[in-house]
N, C-alpha and C. Protein backbone atom coordinates (compact mmCIF):
# COMPACT_ATOMS: atom_id res chain seq x y z
N MET A 1 64.46 -35.18 0.07
CA MET A 1 63.80 -33.85 -0.94
C MET A 1 65.44 -33.09 -0.57
N ASP A 2 66.22 -32.45 -1.57
CA ASP A 2 66.76 -31.80 -2.01
C ASP A 2 66.22 -30.89 -0.67
N PRO A 3 67.35 -29.89 0.37
CA PRO A 3 67.56 -29.29 1.04
C PRO A 3 66.99 -27.78 0.75
N GLU A 4 67.56 -27.10 -1.03
CA GLU A 4 67.66 -25.46 -1.31
C GLU A 4 66.47 -26.29 -2.37
N LEU A 5 65.27 -27.23 -2.37
CA LEU A 5 64.25 -27.62 -3.28
C LEU A 5 63.23 -27.13 -1.98
N ALA A 6 63.78 -27.57 -0.21
CA ALA A 6 62.52 -27.35 0.36
C ALA A 6 62.98 -26.25 1.08
N GLN A 7 63.69 -25.64 1.23
CA GLN A 7 63.94 -23.78 1.57
C GLN A 7 63.64 -23.58 0.62
N ILE A 8 63.13 -24.07 -0.96
CA ILE A 8 62.08 -22.59 -2.07
C ILE A 8 60.72 -22.84 -1.54
N PHE A 9 60.55 -24.28 -1.31
CA PHE A 9 58.95 -24.68 -1.49
C PHE A 9 58.74 -23.73 -0.04
N ASN A 10 59.54 -23.66 1.21
CA ASN A 10 59.13 -23.28 2.40
C ASN A 10 59.08 -21.65 1.75
N TYR A 11 60.12 -21.11 1.67
CA TYR A 11 60.42 -19.47 0.95
C TYR A 11 58.37 -19.45 0.72
N VAL A 12 58.19 -19.92 -0.10
CA VAL A 12 56.91 -20.03 -1.09
C VAL A 12 55.44 -20.18 -0.48
N ILE A 13 55.99 -21.09 0.33
CA ILE A 13 54.38 -21.36 2.44
C ILE A 13 54.87 -20.39 2.00
N GLN A 14 55.52 -19.39 1.93
CA GLN A 14 55.16 -17.93 3.36
C GLN A 14 55.03 -16.87 3.11
N LEU A 15 55.35 -17.21 2.11
CA LEU A 15 55.06 -16.25 0.72
C LEU A 15 52.62 -16.28 0.58
N LEU A 16 53.04 -17.26 0.68
CA LEU A 16 50.86 -17.84 -0.01
C LEU A 16 50.33 -16.48 0.54
N PRO A 17 50.24 -16.24 2.58
CA PRO A 17 49.26 -15.42 2.37
C PRO A 17 49.49 -14.05 1.89
N ALA A 18 50.94 -13.53 1.51
CA ALA A 18 50.61 -11.73 1.63
C ALA A 18 50.40 -12.13 0.17
N ILE A 19 50.12 -13.15 -0.55
CA ILE A 19 50.52 -12.46 -2.11
C ILE A 19 48.08 -13.16 -1.92
N VAL A 20 47.39 -13.82 -1.25
CA VAL A 20 46.33 -13.92 -1.28
C VAL A 20 46.09 -12.77 -0.65
N ALA A 21 46.81 -11.30 -0.22
CA ALA A 21 46.20 -10.76 1.16
C ALA A 21 45.92 -10.07 -0.16
N ILE A 22 46.74 -9.17 -0.90
CA ILE A 22 47.40 -8.62 -2.37
C ILE A 22 45.85 -8.71 -3.30
N VAL A 23 46.30 -9.76 -2.96
CA VAL A 23 45.13 -10.63 -5.01
C VAL A 23 43.08 -10.01 -4.76
N ALA A 24 43.08 -10.28 -3.43
CA ALA A 24 41.57 -10.04 -2.19
C ALA A 24 41.64 -9.33 -2.10
N LEU A 25 42.49 -7.60 -1.34
CA LEU A 25 42.35 -6.48 -2.19
C LEU A 25 42.58 -5.69 -3.10
N GLY A 26 42.73 -6.68 -4.08
CA GLY A 26 42.78 -5.85 -5.69
C GLY A 26 41.51 -6.27 -5.66
N VAL A 27 41.07 -7.03 -5.47
CA VAL A 27 39.75 -8.07 -6.37
C VAL A 27 38.01 -6.71 -5.65
N GLY A 28 38.62 -6.71 -3.61
CA GLY A 28 37.79 -6.01 -3.22
C GLY A 28 37.40 -4.41 -4.40
N GLY A 29 39.20 -3.86 -4.14
CA GLY A 29 39.15 -2.63 -4.23
C GLY A 29 38.45 -2.46 -5.35
N SER A 30 38.73 -3.62 -6.11
CA SER A 30 37.90 -3.42 -7.84
C SER A 30 36.24 -2.47 -7.27
N LEU A 31 35.50 -4.20 -6.82
CA LEU A 31 34.63 -4.01 -6.31
C LEU A 31 34.04 -2.44 -5.89
N LEU A 32 34.43 -2.19 -4.42
CA LEU A 32 33.92 -0.59 -4.11
C LEU A 32 34.92 0.35 -5.54
N HIS A 33 35.46 0.52 -5.87
CA HIS A 33 35.24 1.36 -6.87
C HIS A 33 34.39 1.02 -7.85
N THR A 34 33.55 0.24 -8.45
CA THR A 34 32.55 -0.13 -9.40
C THR A 34 31.42 0.42 -7.98
N TRP A 35 31.25 0.09 -7.63
CA TRP A 35 30.26 0.06 -6.75
C TRP A 35 29.69 2.17 -6.68
N LEU A 36 31.32 2.43 -5.96
CA LEU A 36 31.27 3.43 -6.08
C LEU A 36 30.59 4.86 -6.72
N ARG A 37 31.64 4.39 -8.27
CA ARG A 37 30.63 5.30 -9.25
C ARG A 37 29.12 4.54 -9.47
N ILE A 38 29.72 3.84 -10.06
CA ILE A 38 27.64 3.26 -9.98
C ILE A 38 26.57 4.43 -8.73
N LYS A 39 27.04 4.20 -7.96
CA LYS A 39 25.99 4.82 -6.23
C LYS A 39 26.07 6.44 -6.80
N ASN A 40 27.15 6.68 -7.01
CA ASN A 40 27.72 8.55 -7.73
C ASN A 40 27.31 8.79 -9.23
N GLY A 41 26.66 7.95 -9.53
CA GLY A 41 26.49 8.21 -11.01
C GLY A 41 27.37 8.32 -12.44
N TYR A 42 28.24 7.49 -12.02
CA TYR A 42 29.30 7.81 -13.58
C TYR A 42 29.08 7.12 -13.96
N PRO A 43 29.99 6.69 -15.21
CA PRO A 43 29.68 6.02 -15.96
C PRO A 43 30.25 5.01 -15.53
N LEU A 44 30.25 3.77 -15.78
CA LEU A 44 31.22 2.23 -15.49
C LEU A 44 32.08 2.91 -17.40
N GLN A 45 33.47 1.59 -16.97
CA GLN A 45 34.07 2.18 -17.82
C GLN A 45 34.82 0.60 -18.88
N ASN A 46 35.57 0.01 -20.22
CA ASN A 46 34.99 -0.84 -20.93
C ASN A 46 37.12 -0.31 -20.55
N SER A 47 37.95 -2.53 -21.13
CA SER A 47 38.88 -2.45 -20.92
C SER A 47 39.73 -1.64 -21.59
N TRP A 48 39.19 -1.02 -22.44
CA TRP A 48 39.59 0.49 -23.36
C TRP A 48 40.07 1.91 -22.07
N GLY A 49 39.33 2.15 -21.20
CA GLY A 49 38.57 3.59 -20.34
C GLY A 49 38.44 3.48 -20.55
N MET A 50 37.05 3.52 -21.64
CA MET A 50 35.64 4.05 -22.48
C MET A 50 34.50 5.02 -21.63
N ALA A 51 34.20 5.37 -21.61
CA ALA A 51 32.96 4.90 -20.87
C ALA A 51 31.17 4.64 -21.65
N ILE A 52 31.07 4.21 -20.16
CA ILE A 52 29.63 3.17 -21.42
C ILE A 52 28.25 3.92 -20.43
N HIS A 53 27.92 4.39 -21.45
CA HIS A 53 26.70 5.05 -21.54
C HIS A 53 25.88 3.45 -21.28
N PRO A 54 24.04 3.88 -20.48
CA PRO A 54 23.46 2.65 -20.81
C PRO A 54 22.30 3.33 -21.69
N LYS A 55 22.57 2.79 -22.59
CA LYS A 55 21.36 2.34 -24.00
C LYS A 55 19.82 2.31 -24.04
N SER A 56 18.82 3.83 -24.84
CA SER A 56 18.36 3.77 -24.23
C SER A 56 17.78 3.94 -25.36
N ASP A 57 16.67 2.99 -25.89
CA ASP A 57 16.15 2.40 -27.31
C ASP A 57 15.22 2.91 -27.12
N LYS A 58 13.86 3.48 -27.88
CA LYS A 58 12.04 4.27 -28.25
C LYS A 58 11.80 3.12 -28.09
N GLU A 59 12.21 1.52 -27.68
CA GLU A 59 11.47 0.13 -27.65
C GLU A 59 10.73 0.16 -26.13
N ALA A 60 11.86 0.32 -25.44
CA ALA A 60 12.13 0.52 -23.96
C ALA A 60 11.89 1.36 -23.48
N MET A 61 11.37 2.34 -23.89
CA MET A 61 10.76 3.23 -23.48
C MET A 61 9.71 3.82 -23.39
N GLU A 62 8.81 3.03 -24.94
CA GLU A 62 7.65 3.00 -25.64
C GLU A 62 6.46 1.95 -23.79
N ARG A 63 7.67 0.60 -24.03
CA ARG A 63 7.14 -0.89 -23.41
C ARG A 63 6.76 0.22 -21.85
N ILE A 64 7.86 0.72 -21.43
CA ILE A 64 8.40 1.43 -19.71
C ILE A 64 6.13 2.66 -19.45
N LYS A 65 6.06 3.38 -20.85
CA LYS A 65 5.18 4.07 -20.56
C LYS A 65 4.47 3.26 -20.72
N LEU A 66 2.84 2.25 -21.28
CA LEU A 66 2.91 1.38 -20.84
C LEU A 66 2.97 0.37 -20.18
N LEU A 67 3.69 0.06 -19.31
CA LEU A 67 3.75 -0.48 -18.08
C LEU A 67 3.99 0.25 -17.17
N THR A 68 3.67 1.43 -16.40
CA THR A 68 2.92 2.30 -15.56
C THR A 68 1.40 3.00 -16.13
N THR A 69 1.17 2.90 -17.83
CA THR A 69 0.14 3.14 -17.40
C THR A 69 -0.95 2.57 -16.50
N GLU A 70 -0.38 0.65 -17.31
CA GLU A 70 -1.41 -0.50 -16.35
C GLU A 70 -1.71 -1.00 -14.72
N ASN A 71 -0.24 0.13 -14.88
CA ASN A 71 -0.49 -0.62 -13.06
C ASN A 71 -0.52 0.68 -12.76
N ALA A 72 -0.49 1.80 -13.42
CA ALA A 72 -1.91 3.24 -12.87
C ALA A 72 -3.39 2.04 -13.16
N GLN A 73 -3.34 1.49 -14.16
CA GLN A 73 -4.92 0.77 -13.72
C GLN A 73 -4.97 0.11 -13.15
N LEU A 74 -4.19 -0.81 -13.22
CA LEU A 74 -4.98 -1.78 -12.03
C LEU A 74 -4.47 -1.39 -10.18
N ARG A 75 -4.24 -0.73 -10.53
CA ARG A 75 -4.21 0.09 -9.56
C ARG A 75 -5.28 1.73 -8.23
N ALA A 76 -6.23 0.90 -9.73
CA ALA A 76 -7.41 1.65 -9.65
C ALA A 76 -7.93 0.82 -9.57
N GLU A 77 -8.11 -0.33 -10.15
CA GLU A 77 -9.26 -1.17 -10.02
C GLU A 77 -8.84 -2.38 -8.73
N ILE A 78 -7.49 -2.45 -7.96
CA ILE A 78 -7.17 -2.39 -6.63
C ILE A 78 -7.65 -1.85 -5.26
N GLY A 79 -7.90 -0.69 -5.91
CA GLY A 79 -8.42 0.19 -4.82
C GLY A 79 -10.34 0.22 -5.01
N SER A 80 -10.89 -0.13 -6.04
CA SER A 80 -12.27 -0.04 -5.60
C SER A 80 -12.66 -1.47 -6.15
N MET A 81 -12.02 -2.12 -5.67
CA MET A 81 -12.62 -3.91 -5.23
C MET A 81 -11.94 -3.84 -3.79
N LYS A 82 -10.56 -2.98 -3.29
CA LYS A 82 -11.04 -2.94 -2.09
C LYS A 82 -12.14 -2.71 -1.30
N ASP A 83 -13.02 -0.77 -1.62
CA ASP A 83 -13.60 -0.70 -1.97
C ASP A 83 -15.42 -1.55 -1.04
N ARG A 84 -14.81 -2.17 -2.76
CA ARG A 84 -16.97 -3.52 -2.84
C ARG A 84 -16.15 -4.35 -1.29
N MET A 85 -15.17 -4.97 -1.03
CA MET A 85 -14.28 -6.00 -0.06
C MET A 85 -14.56 -5.33 0.85
N GLU A 86 -14.75 -4.21 1.31
CA GLU A 86 -14.46 -3.42 2.39
C GLU A 86 -17.35 -3.55 2.52
N THR A 87 -17.21 -3.14 1.87
CA THR A 87 -19.13 -3.00 1.80
C THR A 87 -19.26 -4.32 1.98
N ILE A 88 -19.06 -5.39 1.07
CA ILE A 88 -18.69 -6.76 2.17
C ILE A 88 -18.90 -7.61 2.93
N GLU A 89 -17.62 -6.65 3.96
CA GLU A 89 -18.00 -7.68 5.13
C GLU A 89 -19.14 -6.79 5.88
N ARG A 90 -18.86 -5.58 5.61
CA ARG A 90 -19.50 -5.02 6.65
C ARG A 90 -21.40 -5.89 6.71
N ILE A 91 -22.41 -6.16 5.15
CA ILE A 91 -23.17 -6.29 5.02
C ILE A 91 -23.33 -7.68 5.63
N VAL A 92 -21.81 -9.17 5.69
CA VAL A 92 -21.57 -9.97 6.29
C VAL A 92 -21.75 -9.86 7.70
N THR A 93 -21.22 -9.18 8.13
CA THR A 93 -20.35 -9.07 10.08
C THR A 93 -21.88 -8.33 10.20
N ASP A 94 -22.36 -7.63 10.63
CA ASP A 94 -23.85 -6.67 10.99
C ASP A 94 -25.27 -8.05 11.40
N GLN A 95 -25.50 -7.03 12.23
CA GLN A 95 -27.08 -8.03 12.53
C GLN A 95 -28.02 -8.59 11.89
N PRO A 96 -28.21 -9.38 11.05
CA PRO A 96 -28.85 -9.36 10.04
C PRO A 96 -30.83 -8.52 10.51
N SER A 97 -30.84 -7.84 11.54
CA SER A 97 -31.99 -6.74 11.72
C SER A 97 -31.45 -6.20 11.66
N LEU A 98 -30.10 -4.67 11.68
CA LEU A 98 -30.14 -4.51 10.99
C LEU A 98 -29.73 -4.02 9.59
N LEU A 99 -28.75 -5.34 8.99
CA LEU A 99 -29.51 -5.28 7.78
C LEU A 99 -30.73 -5.41 7.07
N ALA A 100 -31.58 -5.75 7.61
CA ALA A 100 -32.84 -5.61 6.63
C ALA A 100 -33.55 -4.18 6.69
N GLN A 101 -33.81 -3.33 7.79
CA GLN A 101 -33.10 -2.19 8.50
C GLN A 101 -33.05 -1.08 7.30
N GLU A 102 -31.57 -1.62 7.39
CA GLU A 102 -31.31 -0.57 6.13
C GLU A 102 -32.08 -1.27 4.62
N ILE A 103 -32.23 -2.13 5.00
CA ILE A 103 -32.93 -2.78 3.15
C ILE A 103 -34.42 -1.48 2.82
N ASP A 104 -35.22 -1.75 4.01
CA ASP A 104 -36.35 -1.19 4.03
C ASP A 104 -35.86 0.55 4.16
N ARG A 105 -35.39 0.67 4.13
CA ARG A 105 -35.18 1.89 4.46
C ARG A 105 -34.79 3.07 3.79
N LEU A 106 -33.94 1.84 2.58
CA LEU A 106 -33.38 2.31 1.04
C LEU A 106 -34.61 2.17 0.43
N ALA A 107 -35.21 1.35 0.51
CA ALA A 107 -36.61 0.63 -0.24
C ALA A 107 -37.60 2.12 -0.30
N ILE A 108 -38.03 3.26 1.06
CA ILE A 108 -38.81 3.55 1.38
C ILE A 108 -38.61 5.02 1.09
N ASP A 109 -36.66 4.73 0.45
CA ASP A 109 -35.65 6.85 -0.15
C ASP A 109 -36.54 6.54 -1.23
N LYS A 110 -36.42 5.54 -1.70
CA LYS A 110 -36.66 5.44 -3.92
C LYS A 110 -37.99 5.44 -4.01
N GLY A 111 -38.60 5.65 -3.07
CA GLY A 111 -40.55 6.72 -3.44
C GLY A 111 -40.80 5.43 -3.15
N GLY A 112 -40.75 3.74 -2.94
CA GLY A 112 -42.78 3.78 -2.50
C GLY A 112 -41.90 2.84 -0.69
N ARG A 113 -43.33 2.01 -0.32
CA ARG A 113 -43.10 1.06 0.51
C ARG A 113 -42.65 0.19 0.39
N ALA A 114 -42.37 -0.71 0.44
CA ALA A 114 -42.26 -2.79 0.48
C ALA A 114 -42.99 -3.28 1.60
């Protein structure tokens, strides 16, 4: 191998970690910049430096409204199902004699003896 070529090769090998570090810092800085812009509510930019604002079309807003309404209905239904489950658990875990007494008491309260 030519000594001059070996010297150039060694020089490039010595510069390689510095080049990698500079590229990593550039990419990391760009990611940090973008993350800070998103976190603080600033719009992102395209390659021409123009602000990119999220699109808000009426169809998406209507879909969000429908999903929110459906979510509220499902939560209410789950709440009523939890109440029913508590009642069923109480019936199953109570002693049979207490259950019979409570049924008799309810029958008496309705207006007639069982």
